[in-house]
């Protein structure tokens, strides 16, 4: 039986996601394509939050997405040699927000495409971002926010960096962020999903 990505993400028994990944792999899809499909499913659930889906569904979809990543991560291209790295990215979910699925997917995709990624986790404050960027000599700071109540903190972080004259390109993304909002707060780029984030990160290095 073939499952849709929404069926698989909302399965409380966490069995359908395994079958979903297996079916897609057997049909010839590569891990990147399955992750992209999963990202779209997560976005659809996020867009339906409070109307079609609620906290329980959001939590279950997060569990299933993590399980899918465990299955797919080993299938992505092998770790790129350190001397072949194309750039350094510091990534984290902003202060007040503990959602990490989207960030995890972007982290995996960036790593697989040759970036060295320093993942600060969730609920990250502006000082932590600044310290990590300085210590790593990062080219890009990537921030994520799923909640509209926390996305405003992105503007605070950007202001903090600009005031401190720290040279780094800043990319934002996540369920609460739009291209318009990214532009409004002065971000250098907006990634609408993991695939787009990788493309924008490469453009920022040029």
Protein backbone atom coordinates (compact mmCIF):
# COMPACT_ATOMS: atom_id res chain seq x y z
CA UNK A 1 0.00 0.00 0.00
CA UNK A 2 1.35 3.40 -0.96
CA UNK A 3 1.12 6.21 1.59
CA UNK A 4 1.15 9.93 0.98
CA UNK A 5 3.69 11.99 2.90
CA UNK A 6 0.87 13.47 5.02
CA UNK A 7 -0.37 9.97 5.95
CA UNK A 8 3.16 8.99 6.91
CA UNK A 9 3.89 12.14 8.93
CA UNK A 10 0.65 11.93 10.91
CA UNK A 11 0.88 8.23 11.77
CA UNK A 12 0.98 8.02 15.59
CA UNK A 13 2.36 4.45 15.44
CA UNK A 14 5.39 5.72 13.47
CA UNK A 15 5.24 2.74 11.06
CA UNK A 16 4.03 4.40 7.88
CA UNK A 17 7.07 6.66 7.61
CA UNK A 18 9.34 3.61 7.27
CA UNK A 19 7.09 2.16 4.57
CA UNK A 20 6.93 5.56 2.85
CA UNK A 21 10.74 5.86 2.70
CA UNK A 22 11.10 2.25 1.55
CA UNK A 23 8.49 2.66 -1.21
CA UNK A 24 10.10 5.84 -2.49
CA UNK A 25 13.61 4.37 -2.47
CA UNK A 26 12.40 1.20 -4.24
CA UNK A 27 10.75 3.34 -6.90
CA UNK A 28 14.11 4.95 -7.69
CA UNK A 29 13.84 8.21 -5.78
CA UNK A 30 17.04 9.43 -4.14
CA UNK A 31 17.28 10.56 -0.52
CA UNK A 32 17.38 14.25 -1.49
CA UNK A 33 14.08 13.95 -3.35
CA UNK A 34 12.40 12.17 -0.44
CA UNK A 35 13.62 14.83 1.99
CA UNK A 36 12.28 17.51 -0.35
CA UNK A 37 8.88 15.76 -0.45
CA UNK A 38 8.91 15.49 3.35
CA UNK A 39 9.74 19.19 3.68
CA UNK A 40 6.70 20.04 1.55
CA UNK A 41 4.53 17.78 3.73
CA UNK A 42 5.76 19.45 6.92
CA UNK A 43 5.07 22.85 5.38
CA UNK A 44 1.52 21.77 4.47
CA UNK A 45 0.90 20.63 8.05
CA UNK A 46 2.40 23.86 9.35
CA UNK A 47 0.17 25.95 7.09
CA UNK A 48 -2.89 24.06 8.37
CA UNK A 49 -1.93 24.59 12.02
CA UNK A 50 -4.85 25.75 14.22
CA UNK A 51 -7.37 24.96 11.47
CA UNK A 52 -6.77 21.41 10.23
CA UNK A 53 -3.92 20.38 12.52
CA UNK A 54 -3.14 21.08 16.15
CA UNK A 55 -0.32 20.60 18.69
CA UNK A 56 -0.65 16.79 18.75
CA UNK A 57 -0.35 16.53 14.95
CA UNK A 58 2.62 18.91 14.94
CA UNK A 59 4.37 16.76 17.56
CA UNK A 60 3.66 13.49 15.72
CA UNK A 61 4.85 14.91 12.40
CA UNK A 62 8.07 15.98 14.13
CA UNK A 63 8.68 12.47 15.47
CA UNK A 64 8.08 10.91 12.06
CA UNK A 65 10.29 13.44 10.28
CA UNK A 66 13.13 12.64 12.69
CA UNK A 67 12.66 8.93 12.04
CA UNK A 68 12.79 9.53 8.27
CA UNK A 69 15.99 11.53 8.64
CA UNK A 70 17.59 8.65 10.56
CA UNK A 71 16.75 6.32 7.65
CA UNK A 72 17.81 8.71 4.88
CA UNK A 73 20.89 10.41 6.33
CA UNK A 74 23.26 7.46 5.66
CA UNK A 75 22.08 7.40 2.05
CA UNK A 76 23.11 10.97 1.34
CA UNK A 77 26.47 11.48 -0.31
CA UNK A 78 29.41 10.64 1.92
CA UNK A 79 30.87 13.29 4.17
CA UNK A 80 32.85 15.77 2.10
CA UNK A 81 36.55 15.96 2.96
CA UNK A 82 37.37 18.92 5.21
CA UNK A 83 39.69 20.48 2.63
CA UNK A 84 36.88 20.35 0.08
CA UNK A 85 34.49 22.39 2.22
CA UNK A 86 33.01 25.31 0.31
CA UNK A 87 32.04 27.47 3.30
CA UNK A 88 31.06 27.61 6.96
CA UNK A 89 27.51 28.05 8.23
CA UNK A 90 26.39 28.68 11.81
CA UNK A 91 22.76 27.55 12.15
CA UNK A 92 20.20 27.64 14.96
CA UNK A 93 16.54 28.12 15.83
CA UNK A 94 15.95 31.52 17.42
CA UNK A 95 15.43 32.32 21.09
CA UNK A 96 12.01 31.23 22.38
CA UNK A 97 11.56 28.57 19.68
CA UNK A 98 12.42 24.91 20.31
CA UNK A 99 11.38 23.47 16.92
CA UNK A 100 14.25 21.79 15.12
CA UNK A 101 12.96 19.56 12.31
CA UNK A 102 13.30 22.14 9.54
CA UNK A 103 16.71 23.17 10.84
CA UNK A 104 17.84 19.53 10.98
CA UNK A 105 16.86 18.99 7.35
CA UNK A 106 18.69 22.16 6.23
CA UNK A 107 21.73 21.11 8.29
CA UNK A 108 21.86 17.70 6.57
CA UNK A 109 21.41 19.19 3.11
CA UNK A 110 24.08 21.86 3.65
CA UNK A 111 26.55 19.29 5.02
CA UNK A 112 25.91 16.99 2.08
CA UNK A 113 26.55 19.82 -0.35
CA UNK A 114 29.98 20.63 1.08
CA UNK A 115 29.34 23.18 3.83
CA UNK A 116 30.82 22.88 7.30
CA UNK A 117 27.83 23.37 9.60
CA UNK A 118 28.00 24.49 13.22
CA UNK A 119 24.57 23.69 14.69
CA UNK A 120 23.73 25.69 17.83
CA UNK A 121 20.44 23.85 18.38
CA UNK A 122 17.26 25.62 19.46
CA UNK A 123 16.35 28.64 21.61
CA UNK A 124 19.54 30.48 20.55
CA UNK A 125 20.23 34.03 21.75
CA UNK A 126 21.95 36.78 19.75
CA UNK A 127 25.15 36.66 21.85
CA UNK A 128 25.46 32.90 21.20
CA UNK A 129 25.06 33.45 17.45
CA UNK A 130 27.68 36.22 17.52
CA UNK A 131 30.19 34.18 19.54
CA UNK A 132 29.79 31.13 17.27
CA UNK A 133 30.16 33.17 14.07
CA UNK A 134 33.29 34.85 15.41
CA UNK A 135 34.89 31.63 16.71
CA UNK A 136 34.15 29.67 13.52
CA UNK A 137 34.93 32.49 11.11
CA UNK A 138 31.58 31.64 9.51
CA UNK A 139 30.56 32.89 6.08
CA UNK A 140 26.83 32.54 6.76
CA UNK A 141 24.51 32.72 9.76
CA UNK A 142 21.28 30.76 9.18
CA UNK A 143 18.33 31.32 11.52
CA UNK A 144 15.06 29.41 11.70
CA UNK A 145 11.70 30.20 13.33
CA UNK A 146 8.50 28.17 13.18
CA UNK A 147 6.43 30.43 15.43
CA UNK A 148 5.31 33.90 14.40
CA UNK A 149 5.83 35.00 18.01
CA UNK A 150 9.55 34.20 17.78
CA UNK A 151 10.37 35.37 14.26
CA UNK A 152 10.61 38.97 15.50
CA UNK A 153 13.75 37.94 17.37
CA UNK A 154 15.44 37.50 13.98
CA UNK A 155 15.25 41.26 13.47
CA UNK A 156 16.89 41.75 16.87
CA UNK A 157 19.73 39.40 15.94
CA UNK A 158 20.32 41.13 12.61
CA UNK A 159 20.34 44.54 14.31
CA UNK A 160 22.84 43.20 16.89
CA UNK A 161 25.19 41.97 14.16
CA UNK A 162 24.97 45.17 12.13
CA UNK A 163 25.60 47.32 15.21
CA UNK A 164 28.65 45.22 16.08
CA UNK A 165 29.98 45.42 12.51
CA UNK A 166 30.30 41.64 12.34
CA UNK A 167 30.81 40.62 8.73
CA UNK A 168 28.59 37.65 7.94
CA UNK A 169 25.82 36.94 5.46
CA UNK A 170 22.50 36.25 7.21
CA UNK A 171 19.91 33.82 5.84
CA UNK A 172 16.51 33.22 7.46
CA UNK A 173 13.81 30.59 7.02
CA UNK A 174 11.19 28.48 8.75
CA UNK A 175 7.43 28.18 8.87
CA UNK A 176 6.91 31.68 10.29
CA UNK A 177 9.09 33.46 7.74
CA UNK A 178 8.36 34.77 4.24
CA UNK A 179 10.50 36.42 1.58
CA UNK A 180 8.75 39.70 2.37
CA UNK A 181 9.55 39.43 6.07
CA UNK A 182 13.17 38.51 5.35
CA UNK A 183 13.50 41.60 3.19
CA UNK A 184 11.79 43.76 5.79
CA UNK A 185 14.26 42.82 8.55
CA UNK A 186 17.32 43.20 6.32
CA UNK A 187 18.32 39.55 5.88
CA UNK A 188 20.66 38.78 2.99
CA UNK A 189 18.66 35.75 1.86
CA UNK A 190 15.52 33.71 2.51
CA UNK A 191 15.30 29.94 2.12
CA UNK A 192 11.73 28.75 1.60
CA UNK A 193 12.77 25.11 2.15
CA UNK A 194 15.92 22.98 2.51
CA UNK A 195 16.67 22.78 -1.21
CA UNK A 196 16.21 26.52 -1.63
CA UNK A 197 18.36 27.19 1.46
CA UNK A 198 21.28 25.28 -0.07
CA UNK A 199 20.92 27.18 -3.35
CA UNK A 200 20.78 30.55 -1.56
CA UNK A 201 23.76 29.65 0.69
CA UNK A 202 25.86 28.91 -2.41
CA UNK A 203 24.79 32.22 -3.97
CA UNK A 204 25.82 34.09 -0.81
CA UNK A 205 29.39 32.78 -1.17
CA UNK A 206 29.82 34.32 -4.63
